[in-house]
Amino acid sequence: MGTPTKLYALCSLLLAFLFPFLNSLQLDGGKLCRPEKHASLFIFGDSLYDPGNNNYINTTTDFQANFGPYGETFFKYPTGRFSDGRVIPDFIAEYAKLPLITPYLHPGYHRYIDGANFASGGAGALVETHQGYVIDLKTQLSYFKNLARLFRKKLGHAEAKTFFGRAVYLISIGGNDYLVPFNSNSTVLQSISKEDYVDMVIGNLTTVIKKIYKKGGRKFGFTSMLPLGCLPFTKVLKPGNTGACIDELTTLAKLHNRALPKVLQKLERELNGFKYSIADGYTAFSERINNPSKYGFTEGKIACCGSGEYRGILSCGGIRSVKEFELCENISEYVFFDSAHLSERANEQVAKLMWSGTSNVTGANYNLKALFQL
């Protein structure tokens, strides 16, 4: 009959051919087409992980990237990803020998045996963050719950729980929650301490983790918060800034990065079978911003696409509120593709650290490769 991997590949080809004639949730025909140790990938988060979910909601171009030059490096057309090509989960899927995980909201696509991506550009852990324009983390969780119900209906409770237990859950959230008080008229940080605000963000994230766990999820992957105050986008928020990072934003990122590992360690003690990896994204991004040549880049502080100083105005593509934009000649030389998001090359480097980094990078007993192999 052939190996399980070959059978799975054959079933995938068969499903691709039959797909237009099949209805509802596609589970590759049950056990036959799923290798025993098959681990799927479920993705939650913001624009760092969004593969184009925001294409399918009623929002503004401020929270979309479905126009050129986004996507031009790899896909040759805009997919809705906030990069010139692939984003971090795309590389993780490749390393795990999975196909690209399609946006959950993509119409007509229901084959979730490999997982689903719920991430939404601009989303936060707090419902209030860009409310009405994005898919917040709580709503992303509701989509996952709907999917879990379908799996239980198709497979039965026991097998569905086993399926979700083998899966890996990749989560990137919080950055937008911390940016909102600085790029809007929000006064939240005038009435609450930075520490309490971070606790609110982490608290909402913790609730979602526990609810995924309740549905069977056991293996979770995170990165620490980026140096938010050092993005081209944030540097232009302070008029007359001479290139320094915005300390108040960086402080919030550091507070988040101290709080998250403590919560994950607590969950590991409390929840039977809970395992996690948390890559040191803060250091990885800081090093590439400050020492780009060490990692094969020529520019770490200026965005490839945008306008104004550092190309920090989020005008890439020319269809947001600011129409003028510049585009660099060689995207692969830049750490940042647009004012707030990484180039495909930078995404790939960070994904490799998450996948196979040692414990000093992942901050835990596991990297993502180890989680997929469990």
Protein backbone atom coordinates (compact mmCIF):
# COMPACT_ATOMS: atom_id res chain seq x y z
CA MET A 1 0.00 0.00 0.00
CA GLY A 2 2.92 2.38 0.55
CA THR A 3 4.07 4.46 3.49
CA PRO A 4 1.63 6.64 5.53
CA THR A 5 3.35 9.76 4.16
CA LYS A 6 2.83 8.62 0.55
CA LEU A 7 -0.78 7.73 1.29
CA TYR A 8 -1.30 11.19 2.78
CA ALA A 9 0.22 12.83 -0.30
CA LEU A 10 -1.98 10.70 -2.57
CA CYS A 11 -5.08 11.62 -0.56
CA SER A 12 -4.17 15.30 -0.69
CA LEU A 13 -3.89 15.15 -4.49
CA LEU A 14 -7.19 13.30 -4.71
CA LEU A 15 -8.87 15.90 -2.51
CA ALA A 16 -7.46 18.74 -4.58
CA PHE A 17 -9.09 17.16 -7.65
CA LEU A 18 -12.39 16.42 -5.92
CA PHE A 19 -12.51 19.59 -3.82
CA PRO A 20 -15.09 21.49 -5.93
CA PHE A 21 -17.53 18.58 -5.48
CA LEU A 22 -17.12 18.13 -1.72
CA ASN A 23 -19.10 19.93 0.93
CA SER A 24 -18.46 21.44 4.35
CA LEU A 25 -15.52 20.44 6.54
CA GLN A 26 -12.79 18.42 4.79
CA LEU A 27 -10.98 15.98 7.04
CA ASP A 28 -9.17 13.98 4.32
CA GLY A 29 -11.61 11.13 4.66
CA GLY A 30 -10.91 10.37 8.32
CA LYS A 31 -8.10 8.08 9.43
CA LEU A 32 -7.04 6.78 5.99
CA CYS A 33 -5.53 10.03 4.83
CA ARG A 34 -4.02 11.21 8.11
CA PRO A 35 -0.62 9.82 9.16
CA GLU A 36 -0.85 8.68 12.77
CA LYS A 37 1.46 11.45 14.03
CA HIS A 38 0.14 14.18 11.73
CA ALA A 39 0.36 17.53 13.57
CA SER A 40 -1.63 20.44 12.19
CA LEU A 41 -0.98 24.15 12.76
CA PHE A 42 -3.48 26.64 14.16
CA ILE A 43 -2.50 30.30 14.07
CA PHE A 44 -3.85 33.25 16.05
CA GLY A 45 -2.64 36.84 16.07
CA ASP A 46 -2.06 40.09 14.27
CA SER A 47 -0.45 41.40 11.07
CA LEU A 48 2.79 39.51 11.72
CA TYR A 49 0.82 36.29 11.11
CA ASP A 50 -2.18 37.39 8.99
CA PRO A 51 -2.21 35.58 5.60
CA GLY A 52 -5.10 37.70 4.33
CA ASN A 53 -8.10 37.29 6.65
CA ASN A 54 -8.64 41.05 6.55
CA ASN A 55 -9.36 40.75 2.81
CA TYR A 56 -12.73 39.29 3.78
CA ILE A 57 -13.99 41.70 6.45
CA ASN A 58 -15.48 45.17 6.19
CA THR A 59 -12.46 47.26 7.14
CA THR A 60 -10.26 50.04 5.78
CA THR A 61 -7.06 49.84 3.75
CA ASP A 62 -5.25 50.86 6.96
CA PHE A 63 -5.68 47.24 8.07
CA GLN A 64 -5.25 45.55 4.70
CA ALA A 65 -2.34 44.60 2.46
CA ASN A 66 -4.16 43.19 -0.56
CA PHE A 67 -2.54 45.60 -3.01
CA GLY A 68 0.91 45.98 -4.56
CA PRO A 69 3.79 46.03 -3.87
CA TYR A 70 2.81 43.66 -1.00
CA GLY A 71 3.49 40.06 -1.99
CA GLU A 72 5.70 40.82 -4.96
CA THR A 73 8.81 38.87 -3.88
CA PHE A 74 7.35 35.39 -3.47
CA PHE A 75 3.73 35.28 -4.62
CA LYS A 76 4.14 37.86 -7.40
CA TYR A 77 0.77 39.29 -6.39
CA PRO A 78 -0.75 40.74 -3.17
CA THR A 79 -2.25 38.07 -0.92
CA GLY A 80 -3.14 40.23 2.07
CA ARG A 81 0.09 39.43 3.90
CA PHE A 82 1.85 42.45 5.42
CA SER A 83 5.17 41.68 3.73
CA ASP A 84 6.76 41.50 0.30
CA GLY A 85 6.35 37.72 0.53
CA ARG A 86 5.80 35.06 3.14
CA VAL A 87 5.18 35.72 6.83
CA ILE A 88 6.48 33.70 9.77
CA PRO A 89 3.72 31.02 9.91
CA ASP A 90 4.29 30.26 6.21
CA PHE A 91 7.85 29.22 6.96
CA ILE A 92 6.84 27.28 10.06
CA ALA A 93 4.31 25.35 7.95
CA GLU A 94 7.00 24.59 5.38
CA TYR A 95 9.44 23.32 8.02
CA ALA A 96 6.64 21.13 9.45
CA LYS A 97 6.00 19.73 5.94
CA LEU A 98 2.57 21.32 5.80
CA PRO A 99 1.10 23.41 2.96
CA LEU A 100 0.61 27.14 3.39
CA ILE A 101 -2.18 27.55 5.92
CA THR A 102 -5.04 29.36 4.17
CA PRO A 103 -6.90 32.29 5.81
CA TYR A 104 -9.80 30.92 7.83
CA LEU A 105 -12.17 33.42 6.20
CA HIS A 106 -11.20 32.47 2.65
CA PRO A 107 -14.58 31.71 1.02
CA GLY A 108 -15.16 28.16 -0.14
CA TYR A 109 -12.12 26.70 1.63
CA HIS A 110 -12.97 24.14 4.29
CA ARG A 111 -10.11 21.64 4.30
CA TYR A 112 -8.74 22.09 7.82
CA ILE A 113 -6.85 18.84 8.35
CA ASP A 114 -3.58 20.83 8.19
CA GLY A 115 -4.90 23.59 10.45
CA ALA A 116 -6.28 27.11 10.05
CA ASN A 117 -5.04 30.68 10.33
CA PHE A 118 -7.31 33.09 12.23
CA ALA A 119 -4.84 36.03 12.50
CA SER A 120 -5.97 39.54 11.61
CA GLY A 121 -3.82 42.58 10.89
CA GLY A 122 -4.36 45.23 13.58
CA ALA A 123 -5.85 42.76 16.07
CA GLY A 124 -5.18 42.87 19.78
CA ALA A 125 -5.78 40.79 22.86
CA LEU A 126 -8.09 43.58 24.03
CA VAL A 127 -11.45 43.71 22.24
CA GLU A 128 -11.25 47.53 22.22
CA THR A 129 -8.07 47.57 20.10
CA HIS A 130 -9.14 48.80 16.62
CA GLN A 131 -12.62 47.56 17.47
CA GLY A 132 -14.88 47.22 14.43
CA TYR A 133 -11.99 47.10 11.96
CA VAL A 134 -10.23 43.84 12.85
CA ILE A 135 -10.82 40.33 14.17
CA ASP A 136 -9.81 40.56 17.82
CA LEU A 137 -8.33 37.59 19.67
CA LYS A 138 -11.62 36.73 21.37
CA THR A 139 -13.37 36.48 18.00
CA GLN A 140 -10.50 34.41 16.60
CA LEU A 141 -11.07 32.03 19.49
CA SER A 142 -14.78 31.82 18.62
CA TYR A 143 -13.83 30.79 15.07
CA PHE A 144 -11.61 28.07 16.49
CA LYS A 145 -14.43 26.85 18.74
CA ASN A 146 -16.73 26.62 15.72
CA LEU A 147 -14.09 24.55 13.94
CA ALA A 148 -13.65 22.32 16.99
CA ARG A 149 -17.39 21.61 17.01
CA LEU A 150 -17.25 20.54 13.37
CA PHE A 151 -14.32 18.23 14.06
CA ARG A 152 -16.15 16.62 16.97
CA LYS A 153 -19.20 16.12 14.79
CA LYS A 154 -17.15 14.50 12.00
CA LEU A 155 -14.64 12.50 14.05
CA GLY A 156 -16.28 11.99 17.43
CA HIS A 157 -15.18 13.60 20.70
CA ALA A 158 -12.22 11.29 21.46
CA GLU A 159 -10.57 11.42 18.05
CA ALA A 160 -11.14 15.17 17.74
CA LYS A 161 -9.45 15.71 21.11
CA THR A 162 -6.50 13.58 19.96
CA PHE A 163 -6.28 15.60 16.75
CA PHE A 164 -6.23 18.92 18.60
CA GLY A 165 -3.75 17.51 21.11
CA ARG A 166 -1.24 16.77 18.34
CA ALA A 167 -1.63 20.24 16.79
CA VAL A 168 0.67 23.20 17.45
CA TYR A 169 -0.87 26.60 18.29
CA LEU A 170 1.12 29.61 17.15
CA ILE A 171 0.14 32.95 18.73
CA SER A 172 1.39 36.52 18.10
CA ILE A 173 -0.63 39.18 19.89
CA GLY A 174 -0.23 42.31 22.01
CA GLY A 175 1.76 44.69 19.83
CA ASN A 176 -1.31 46.59 18.64
CA ASP A 177 -2.64 46.85 22.19
CA TYR A 178 0.55 48.68 23.16
CA LEU A 179 0.69 50.83 20.01
CA VAL A 180 -2.87 52.18 20.25
CA PRO A 181 -2.24 54.59 23.15
CA PHE A 182 0.55 56.20 21.12
CA ASN A 183 -0.95 56.44 17.62
CA SER A 184 -4.51 57.42 18.60
CA ASN A 185 -6.28 59.75 20.98
CA SER A 186 -6.49 57.04 23.63
CA THR A 187 -5.99 58.24 27.20
CA VAL A 188 -5.90 54.75 28.71
CA LEU A 189 -2.35 55.09 30.04
CA GLN A 190 -3.30 58.27 31.88
CA SER A 191 -5.76 56.35 34.04
CA ILE A 192 -3.93 53.04 34.47
CA SER A 193 -0.32 52.10 35.14
CA LYS A 194 1.78 50.46 32.42
CA GLU A 195 2.04 47.35 34.59
CA ASP A 196 -1.73 47.06 34.97
CA TYR A 197 -2.24 47.61 31.25
CA VAL A 198 0.20 44.81 30.42
CA ASP A 199 -1.58 42.59 32.94
CA MET A 200 -4.86 43.19 31.06
CA VAL A 201 -3.27 42.15 27.75
CA ILE A 202 -1.58 39.08 29.24
CA GLY A 203 -4.77 38.21 31.15
CA ASN A 204 -6.84 38.11 27.94
CA LEU A 205 -4.17 36.02 26.22
CA THR A 206 -4.08 33.61 29.17
CA THR A 207 -7.85 33.15 29.00
CA VAL A 208 -7.62 32.22 25.31
CA ILE A 209 -4.77 29.76 25.93
CA LYS A 210 -6.82 28.04 28.63
CA LYS A 211 -9.84 27.77 26.34
CA ILE A 212 -7.75 26.26 23.54
CA TYR A 213 -6.37 23.82 26.10
CA LYS A 214 -9.91 22.89 27.09
CA LYS A 215 -10.60 21.91 23.47
CA GLY A 216 -7.53 19.65 23.47
CA GLY A 217 -4.66 22.03 22.63
CA ARG A 218 -1.42 21.16 24.40
CA LYS A 219 1.49 22.60 22.36
CA PHE A 220 1.89 26.37 22.03
CA GLY A 221 4.44 28.60 20.30
CA PHE A 222 5.12 32.28 21.04
CA THR A 223 7.69 34.98 20.40
CA SER A 224 8.52 37.75 22.83
CA MET A 225 7.32 41.26 21.99
CA LEU A 226 9.37 43.19 19.42
CA PRO A 227 11.22 46.37 20.41
CA LEU A 228 8.09 48.33 19.53
CA GLY A 229 9.65 51.73 20.07
CA CYS A 230 12.27 51.07 17.39
CA LEU A 231 10.01 50.42 14.39
CA PRO A 232 10.20 53.02 11.57
CA PHE A 233 6.47 53.57 12.13
CA THR A 234 6.81 54.41 15.81
CA LYS A 235 9.86 56.64 15.43
CA VAL A 236 7.83 59.16 13.44
CA LEU A 237 5.07 59.30 16.08
CA LYS A 238 7.15 61.73 18.08
CA PRO A 239 7.63 65.01 16.14
CA GLY A 240 11.25 66.06 15.79
CA ASN A 241 12.56 62.68 16.82
CA THR A 242 16.21 62.34 15.80
CA GLY A 243 16.23 58.59 15.36
CA ALA A 244 15.95 57.41 18.93
CA CYS A 245 13.56 54.62 19.87
CA ILE A 246 10.40 55.63 21.75
CA ASP A 247 11.25 54.63 25.32
CA GLU A 248 7.65 54.46 26.59
CA LEU A 249 6.76 51.85 23.96
CA THR A 250 9.89 49.83 24.53
CA THR A 251 9.09 49.81 28.26
CA LEU A 252 5.69 48.24 27.55
CA ALA A 253 7.35 45.59 25.35
CA LYS A 254 9.84 44.77 28.10
CA LEU A 255 7.10 44.53 30.73
CA HIS A 256 5.19 42.16 28.43
CA ASN A 257 8.32 40.08 27.91
CA ARG A 258 8.85 39.72 31.65
CA ALA A 259 5.21 38.80 32.32
CA LEU A 260 4.56 36.26 29.54
CA PRO A 261 7.19 33.64 30.53
CA LYS A 262 5.95 33.71 34.14
CA VAL A 263 2.39 33.02 32.99
CA LEU A 264 3.51 30.19 30.68
CA GLN A 265 5.57 28.58 33.47
CA LYS A 266 2.52 28.78 35.76
CA LEU A 267 0.31 27.18 33.09
CA GLU A 268 2.88 24.43 32.62
CA ARG A 269 2.61 23.62 36.33
CA GLU A 270 -1.18 23.80 36.43
CA LEU A 271 -2.26 22.20 33.13
CA ASN A 272 -1.40 18.57 32.57
CA GLY A 273 0.50 18.09 29.28
CA PHE A 274 0.81 21.83 28.54
CA LYS A 275 4.05 22.56 26.64
CA TYR A 276 5.33 25.73 25.06
CA SER A 277 8.13 27.43 23.17
CA ILE A 278 8.81 31.15 23.38
CA ALA A 279 11.43 32.56 21.01
CA ASP A 280 13.37 35.68 21.97
CA GLY A 281 11.98 37.92 19.25
CA TYR A 282 12.98 41.07 21.11
CA THR A 283 16.69 40.27 20.87
CA ALA A 284 16.42 38.85 17.35
CA PHE A 285 14.76 42.01 16.01
CA SER A 286 16.98 44.39 18.02
CA GLU A 287 20.14 42.77 16.66
CA ARG A 288 18.93 43.00 13.07
CA ILE A 289 17.87 46.63 13.49
CA ASN A 290 21.19 47.65 15.07
CA ASN A 291 23.60 45.29 13.27
CA PRO A 292 21.98 44.52 9.92
CA SER A 293 25.20 43.57 8.11
CA LYS A 294 25.81 40.76 10.59
CA TYR A 295 22.65 39.08 9.26
CA GLY A 296 23.09 39.85 5.56
CA PHE A 297 21.14 43.13 5.41
CA THR A 298 22.36 46.62 4.54
CA GLU A 299 19.55 48.60 6.23
CA GLY A 300 17.93 47.93 9.60
CA LYS A 301 16.33 51.23 10.55
CA ILE A 302 14.66 52.49 7.35
CA ALA A 303 11.72 50.67 5.77
CA CYS A 304 11.90 49.57 2.14
CA CYS A 305 8.40 50.87 1.37
CA GLY A 306 6.73 53.95 2.82
CA SER A 307 7.24 57.70 3.01
CA GLY A 308 8.72 60.36 5.22
CA GLU A 309 11.63 59.97 7.60
CA TYR A 310 12.79 56.31 7.90
CA ARG A 311 9.92 55.68 5.41
CA GLY A 312 8.02 55.47 8.68
CA ILE A 313 4.66 56.70 7.36
CA LEU A 314 2.53 53.64 6.60
CA SER A 315 1.77 54.64 3.00
CA CYS A 316 3.19 51.61 1.14
CA GLY A 317 1.06 50.97 -1.93
CA GLY A 318 -0.34 54.50 -2.06
CA ILE A 319 -3.99 53.69 -1.29
CA ARG A 320 -4.09 54.48 2.43
CA SER A 321 -4.60 58.01 3.78
CA VAL A 322 -1.14 59.10 2.53
CA LYS A 323 -0.81 58.42 -1.21
CA GLU A 324 2.87 59.15 -1.75
CA PHE A 325 5.35 56.34 -1.13
CA GLU A 326 8.82 55.22 -2.06
CA LEU A 327 9.98 51.67 -2.76
CA CYS A 328 13.58 50.55 -2.37
CA GLU A 329 15.40 48.76 -5.19
CA ASN A 330 16.45 45.58 -3.38
CA ILE A 331 13.94 44.46 -0.75
CA SER A 332 16.15 41.61 0.51
CA GLU A 333 18.65 44.17 1.84
CA TYR A 334 16.06 45.60 4.26
CA VAL A 335 14.95 44.26 7.64
CA PHE A 336 11.63 46.14 7.33
CA PHE A 337 9.50 45.89 4.21
CA ASP A 338 7.03 48.58 5.22
CA SER A 339 6.93 50.98 8.16
CA ALA A 340 5.88 48.36 10.72
CA HIS A 341 6.40 44.92 9.14
CA LEU A 342 9.34 42.72 8.25
CA SER A 343 10.63 41.75 4.84
CA GLU A 344 10.22 38.13 3.80
CA ARG A 345 13.93 37.56 4.36
CA ALA A 346 13.75 38.83 7.94
CA ASN A 347 10.62 36.74 8.54
CA GLU A 348 12.48 33.66 7.36
CA GLN A 349 15.41 34.29 9.71
CA VAL A 350 13.11 34.69 12.72
CA ALA A 351 11.09 31.60 11.73
CA LYS A 352 14.30 29.54 11.65
CA LEU A 353 15.14 30.68 15.19
CA MET A 354 11.66 29.70 16.34
CA TRP A 355 11.88 26.34 14.58
CA SER A 356 15.30 25.11 15.58
CA GLY A 357 16.71 27.61 18.08
CA THR A 358 18.44 26.37 21.21
CA SER A 359 17.04 26.98 24.70
CA ASN A 360 18.82 30.34 25.01
CA VAL A 361 16.69 31.49 22.02
CA THR A 362 13.43 29.68 22.75
CA GLY A 363 13.47 30.29 26.51
CA ALA A 364 11.94 26.89 27.18
CA ASN A 365 12.62 23.18 26.91
CA TYR A 366 11.22 23.10 23.38
CA ASN A 367 11.64 24.78 20.04
CA LEU A 368 8.84 24.48 17.49
CA LYS A 369 10.49 21.55 15.75
CA ALA A 370 10.47 19.60 19.04
CA LEU A 371 6.81 20.48 19.65
CA PHE A 372 5.80 19.15 16.23
CA GLN A 373 7.71 15.93 16.90
CA LEU A 374 6.05 15.24 20.27
